N, C-alpha and C. Protein backbone atom coordinates (compact mmCIF):
# COMPACT_ATOMS: atom_id res chain seq x y z
N MET A 1 -12.49 -46.01 -49.34
CA MET A 1 -13.89 -46.34 -49.44
C MET A 1 -14.10 -47.14 -50.74
N PRO A 2 -14.71 -48.32 -50.63
CA PRO A 2 -14.96 -49.12 -51.83
C PRO A 2 -15.93 -48.39 -52.76
N HIS A 3 -15.82 -48.66 -54.03
CA HIS A 3 -16.70 -48.06 -55.01
C HIS A 3 -17.44 -49.15 -55.79
N GLY A 4 -18.65 -48.80 -56.22
CA GLY A 4 -19.41 -49.70 -57.06
C GLY A 4 -18.93 -49.58 -58.49
N THR A 5 -19.59 -50.29 -59.36
CA THR A 5 -19.23 -50.28 -60.77
C THR A 5 -20.17 -49.36 -61.54
N ASN A 6 -19.75 -48.96 -62.72
CA ASN A 6 -20.60 -48.15 -63.58
C ASN A 6 -21.88 -48.90 -63.95
N ASP A 7 -21.80 -50.23 -64.00
CA ASP A 7 -22.97 -51.03 -64.33
C ASP A 7 -24.08 -50.90 -63.28
N SER A 8 -23.70 -50.61 -62.04
CA SER A 8 -24.70 -50.51 -60.98
C SER A 8 -25.33 -49.13 -60.86
N LYS A 9 -24.75 -48.12 -61.49
CA LYS A 9 -25.26 -46.75 -61.37
C LYS A 9 -26.74 -46.61 -61.73
N PRO A 10 -27.22 -47.24 -62.81
CA PRO A 10 -28.64 -47.07 -63.15
C PRO A 10 -29.59 -47.66 -62.11
N LEU A 11 -29.09 -48.51 -61.24
CA LEU A 11 -29.94 -49.15 -60.24
C LEU A 11 -30.17 -48.26 -59.02
N ILE A 12 -29.40 -47.20 -58.87
CA ILE A 12 -29.54 -46.31 -57.72
C ILE A 12 -30.62 -45.29 -58.01
N ARG A 13 -31.65 -45.28 -57.17
CA ARG A 13 -32.80 -44.41 -57.40
C ARG A 13 -32.76 -43.14 -56.56
N SER A 14 -32.04 -43.18 -55.44
CA SER A 14 -31.92 -41.99 -54.59
C SER A 14 -30.61 -42.07 -53.83
N THR A 15 -30.13 -40.93 -53.42
CA THR A 15 -28.88 -40.86 -52.67
C THR A 15 -29.15 -41.19 -51.21
N GLY A 16 -28.33 -42.05 -50.65
CA GLY A 16 -28.48 -42.43 -49.25
C GLY A 16 -27.16 -42.87 -48.66
N MET A 17 -27.12 -42.85 -47.34
CA MET A 17 -25.89 -43.19 -46.64
C MET A 17 -26.23 -44.00 -45.40
N SER A 18 -25.41 -44.97 -45.10
CA SER A 18 -25.54 -45.72 -43.85
C SER A 18 -24.27 -45.47 -43.04
N VAL A 19 -24.45 -45.40 -41.73
CA VAL A 19 -23.33 -45.11 -40.83
C VAL A 19 -23.36 -46.14 -39.70
N MET A 20 -22.20 -46.75 -39.45
CA MET A 20 -22.10 -47.71 -38.37
C MET A 20 -20.87 -47.40 -37.52
N VAL A 21 -21.10 -47.24 -36.22
CA VAL A 21 -20.01 -47.04 -35.28
C VAL A 21 -19.70 -48.39 -34.65
N VAL A 22 -18.42 -48.76 -34.65
CA VAL A 22 -17.98 -50.05 -34.09
C VAL A 22 -17.05 -49.74 -32.92
N PRO A 23 -17.60 -49.67 -31.69
CA PRO A 23 -16.79 -49.25 -30.54
C PRO A 23 -15.51 -50.06 -30.35
N GLU A 24 -15.54 -51.35 -30.60
CA GLU A 24 -14.33 -52.16 -30.42
C GLU A 24 -13.46 -52.18 -31.66
N GLY A 25 -13.96 -51.60 -32.73
CA GLY A 25 -13.20 -51.52 -33.98
C GLY A 25 -13.26 -52.82 -34.76
N VAL A 26 -12.96 -52.70 -36.03
CA VAL A 26 -12.90 -53.86 -36.91
C VAL A 26 -11.60 -53.74 -37.71
N ASP A 27 -10.92 -54.86 -37.90
CA ASP A 27 -9.65 -54.83 -38.63
C ASP A 27 -9.86 -54.32 -40.04
N PHE A 28 -9.03 -53.37 -40.42
CA PHE A 28 -9.08 -52.78 -41.76
C PHE A 28 -7.64 -52.59 -42.20
N GLY A 29 -7.10 -53.65 -42.81
CA GLY A 29 -5.69 -53.62 -43.18
C GLY A 29 -4.84 -53.63 -41.92
N ASP A 30 -3.92 -52.68 -41.82
CA ASP A 30 -3.04 -52.60 -40.65
C ASP A 30 -3.61 -51.75 -39.53
N GLU A 31 -4.83 -51.27 -39.70
CA GLU A 31 -5.45 -50.40 -38.70
C GLU A 31 -6.80 -50.95 -38.29
N LYS A 32 -7.42 -50.27 -37.32
CA LYS A 32 -8.79 -50.60 -36.93
C LYS A 32 -9.69 -49.48 -37.39
N ALA A 33 -10.85 -49.85 -37.91
CA ALA A 33 -11.86 -48.87 -38.29
C ALA A 33 -12.91 -48.83 -37.19
N TYR A 34 -13.25 -47.64 -36.75
CA TYR A 34 -14.27 -47.47 -35.73
C TYR A 34 -15.54 -46.86 -36.31
N LEU A 35 -15.43 -46.38 -37.54
CA LEU A 35 -16.56 -45.79 -38.24
C LEU A 35 -16.61 -46.39 -39.64
N VAL A 36 -17.77 -46.94 -40.02
CA VAL A 36 -17.96 -47.54 -41.34
C VAL A 36 -19.12 -46.81 -42.00
N ILE A 37 -18.89 -46.32 -43.22
CA ILE A 37 -19.91 -45.56 -43.93
C ILE A 37 -20.17 -46.21 -45.28
N GLY A 38 -21.44 -46.44 -45.58
CA GLY A 38 -21.85 -46.93 -46.89
C GLY A 38 -22.57 -45.81 -47.62
N LEU A 39 -22.34 -45.68 -48.90
CA LEU A 39 -22.93 -44.59 -49.67
C LEU A 39 -23.40 -45.09 -51.03
N ALA A 40 -24.62 -44.70 -51.39
CA ALA A 40 -25.13 -44.90 -52.74
C ALA A 40 -25.64 -43.54 -53.19
N ALA A 41 -25.24 -43.09 -54.36
CA ALA A 41 -25.62 -41.76 -54.81
C ALA A 41 -26.02 -41.76 -56.27
N VAL A 42 -26.97 -40.91 -56.57
CA VAL A 42 -27.45 -40.74 -57.93
C VAL A 42 -26.45 -39.86 -58.69
N GLY A 43 -26.13 -40.28 -59.89
CA GLY A 43 -25.25 -39.47 -60.74
C GLY A 43 -23.94 -39.12 -60.07
N GLU A 44 -23.63 -37.85 -60.08
CA GLU A 44 -22.38 -37.37 -59.51
C GLU A 44 -22.54 -36.84 -58.08
N GLU A 45 -23.71 -37.07 -57.46
CA GLU A 45 -23.94 -36.57 -56.10
C GLU A 45 -22.94 -37.13 -55.11
N HIS A 46 -22.38 -38.30 -55.40
CA HIS A 46 -21.45 -38.91 -54.46
C HIS A 46 -20.23 -38.02 -54.20
N LEU A 47 -19.84 -37.22 -55.17
CA LEU A 47 -18.66 -36.35 -54.99
C LEU A 47 -18.91 -35.32 -53.90
N GLU A 48 -20.09 -34.71 -53.91
CA GLU A 48 -20.43 -33.72 -52.88
C GLU A 48 -20.56 -34.38 -51.51
N VAL A 49 -21.22 -35.54 -51.48
CA VAL A 49 -21.40 -36.25 -50.21
C VAL A 49 -20.05 -36.68 -49.64
N LEU A 50 -19.21 -37.27 -50.48
CA LEU A 50 -17.89 -37.70 -50.02
C LEU A 50 -17.07 -36.53 -49.49
N SER A 51 -17.14 -35.41 -50.17
CA SER A 51 -16.41 -34.22 -49.73
C SER A 51 -16.89 -33.77 -48.36
N SER A 52 -18.20 -33.70 -48.17
CA SER A 52 -18.76 -33.28 -46.88
C SER A 52 -18.40 -34.24 -45.76
N VAL A 53 -18.48 -35.53 -46.05
CA VAL A 53 -18.13 -36.54 -45.04
C VAL A 53 -16.65 -36.43 -44.69
N ALA A 54 -15.80 -36.25 -45.68
CA ALA A 54 -14.36 -36.14 -45.43
C ALA A 54 -14.04 -34.96 -44.53
N VAL A 55 -14.69 -33.83 -44.77
CA VAL A 55 -14.48 -32.65 -43.93
C VAL A 55 -14.96 -32.93 -42.51
N LEU A 56 -16.13 -33.55 -42.38
CA LEU A 56 -16.70 -33.84 -41.07
C LEU A 56 -15.79 -34.76 -40.25
N VAL A 57 -15.37 -35.88 -40.83
CA VAL A 57 -14.60 -36.86 -40.05
C VAL A 57 -13.14 -36.47 -39.88
N SER A 58 -12.67 -35.49 -40.62
CA SER A 58 -11.28 -35.05 -40.44
C SER A 58 -11.14 -34.11 -39.26
N ASP A 59 -12.24 -33.61 -38.73
CA ASP A 59 -12.21 -32.75 -37.55
C ASP A 59 -12.23 -33.65 -36.31
N ASP A 60 -11.19 -33.55 -35.49
CA ASP A 60 -11.07 -34.42 -34.31
C ASP A 60 -12.26 -34.31 -33.37
N ASP A 61 -12.76 -33.09 -33.14
CA ASP A 61 -13.90 -32.92 -32.24
C ASP A 61 -15.16 -33.57 -32.79
N ASP A 62 -15.40 -33.40 -34.10
CA ASP A 62 -16.57 -34.02 -34.71
C ASP A 62 -16.45 -35.53 -34.70
N MET A 63 -15.26 -36.04 -34.98
CA MET A 63 -15.07 -37.49 -34.97
C MET A 63 -15.31 -38.05 -33.57
N LYS A 64 -14.86 -37.34 -32.56
CA LYS A 64 -15.10 -37.78 -31.17
C LYS A 64 -16.60 -37.80 -30.88
N ARG A 65 -17.31 -36.77 -31.32
CA ARG A 65 -18.77 -36.71 -31.13
C ARG A 65 -19.45 -37.88 -31.83
N ILE A 66 -19.00 -38.20 -33.04
CA ILE A 66 -19.58 -39.31 -33.79
C ILE A 66 -19.37 -40.62 -33.04
N LEU A 67 -18.14 -40.87 -32.62
CA LEU A 67 -17.83 -42.14 -31.95
C LEU A 67 -18.48 -42.26 -30.58
N GLU A 68 -18.80 -41.13 -29.96
CA GLU A 68 -19.40 -41.16 -28.63
C GLU A 68 -20.91 -40.89 -28.64
N ALA A 69 -21.51 -40.80 -29.81
CA ALA A 69 -22.95 -40.55 -29.89
C ALA A 69 -23.71 -41.63 -29.13
N SER A 70 -24.72 -41.20 -28.37
CA SER A 70 -25.44 -42.15 -27.52
C SER A 70 -26.75 -42.65 -28.13
N SER A 71 -27.09 -42.14 -29.31
CA SER A 71 -28.32 -42.60 -29.95
C SER A 71 -28.22 -42.41 -31.47
N GLU A 72 -29.09 -43.09 -32.17
CA GLU A 72 -29.15 -42.92 -33.62
C GLU A 72 -29.49 -41.48 -33.98
N GLU A 73 -30.41 -40.89 -33.22
CA GLU A 73 -30.83 -39.53 -33.48
C GLU A 73 -29.67 -38.55 -33.34
N GLU A 74 -28.84 -38.75 -32.33
CA GLU A 74 -27.68 -37.88 -32.13
C GLU A 74 -26.69 -38.04 -33.29
N LEU A 75 -26.47 -39.26 -33.71
CA LEU A 75 -25.55 -39.53 -34.82
C LEU A 75 -26.06 -38.88 -36.11
N ILE A 76 -27.33 -39.03 -36.39
CA ILE A 76 -27.93 -38.41 -37.57
C ILE A 76 -27.78 -36.89 -37.50
N SER A 77 -28.03 -36.33 -36.34
CA SER A 77 -27.93 -34.89 -36.16
C SER A 77 -26.51 -34.38 -36.43
N ILE A 78 -25.52 -35.11 -35.96
CA ILE A 78 -24.11 -34.72 -36.18
C ILE A 78 -23.81 -34.71 -37.68
N PHE A 79 -24.26 -35.74 -38.39
CA PHE A 79 -24.01 -35.80 -39.84
C PHE A 79 -24.79 -34.72 -40.58
N GLU A 80 -26.03 -34.48 -40.17
CA GLU A 80 -26.81 -33.43 -40.83
C GLU A 80 -26.15 -32.06 -40.63
N GLU A 81 -25.70 -31.79 -39.43
CA GLU A 81 -25.01 -30.51 -39.16
C GLU A 81 -23.75 -30.41 -40.00
N GLY A 82 -22.98 -31.46 -40.02
CA GLY A 82 -21.70 -31.45 -40.71
C GLY A 82 -21.81 -31.41 -42.23
N MET A 83 -22.99 -31.82 -42.72
CA MET A 83 -23.19 -31.86 -44.16
C MET A 83 -24.07 -30.71 -44.64
N GLY A 84 -24.38 -29.80 -43.73
CA GLY A 84 -25.15 -28.63 -44.09
C GLY A 84 -26.61 -28.88 -44.41
N GLU A 85 -27.19 -29.87 -43.80
CA GLU A 85 -28.61 -30.15 -44.06
C GLU A 85 -29.48 -29.54 -42.99
């Protein structure tokens, strides 16, 4: 996951995440990425968010649910459940 610079940290006003499912995949080095996640976090909140996301996407059943979600609402619900919200 790419990281921003320390110079950009003061510009982040709230923690947020974007999630994009790419059914046909996008080239990412020698592999294809089917899930792309963007994250901006205040202070050190990114560590907790990254940890929760890593646990969520490392579970094969959850990853299948994410990739097969049929609506934005379903996708948000999966992430909220997986992140304890």
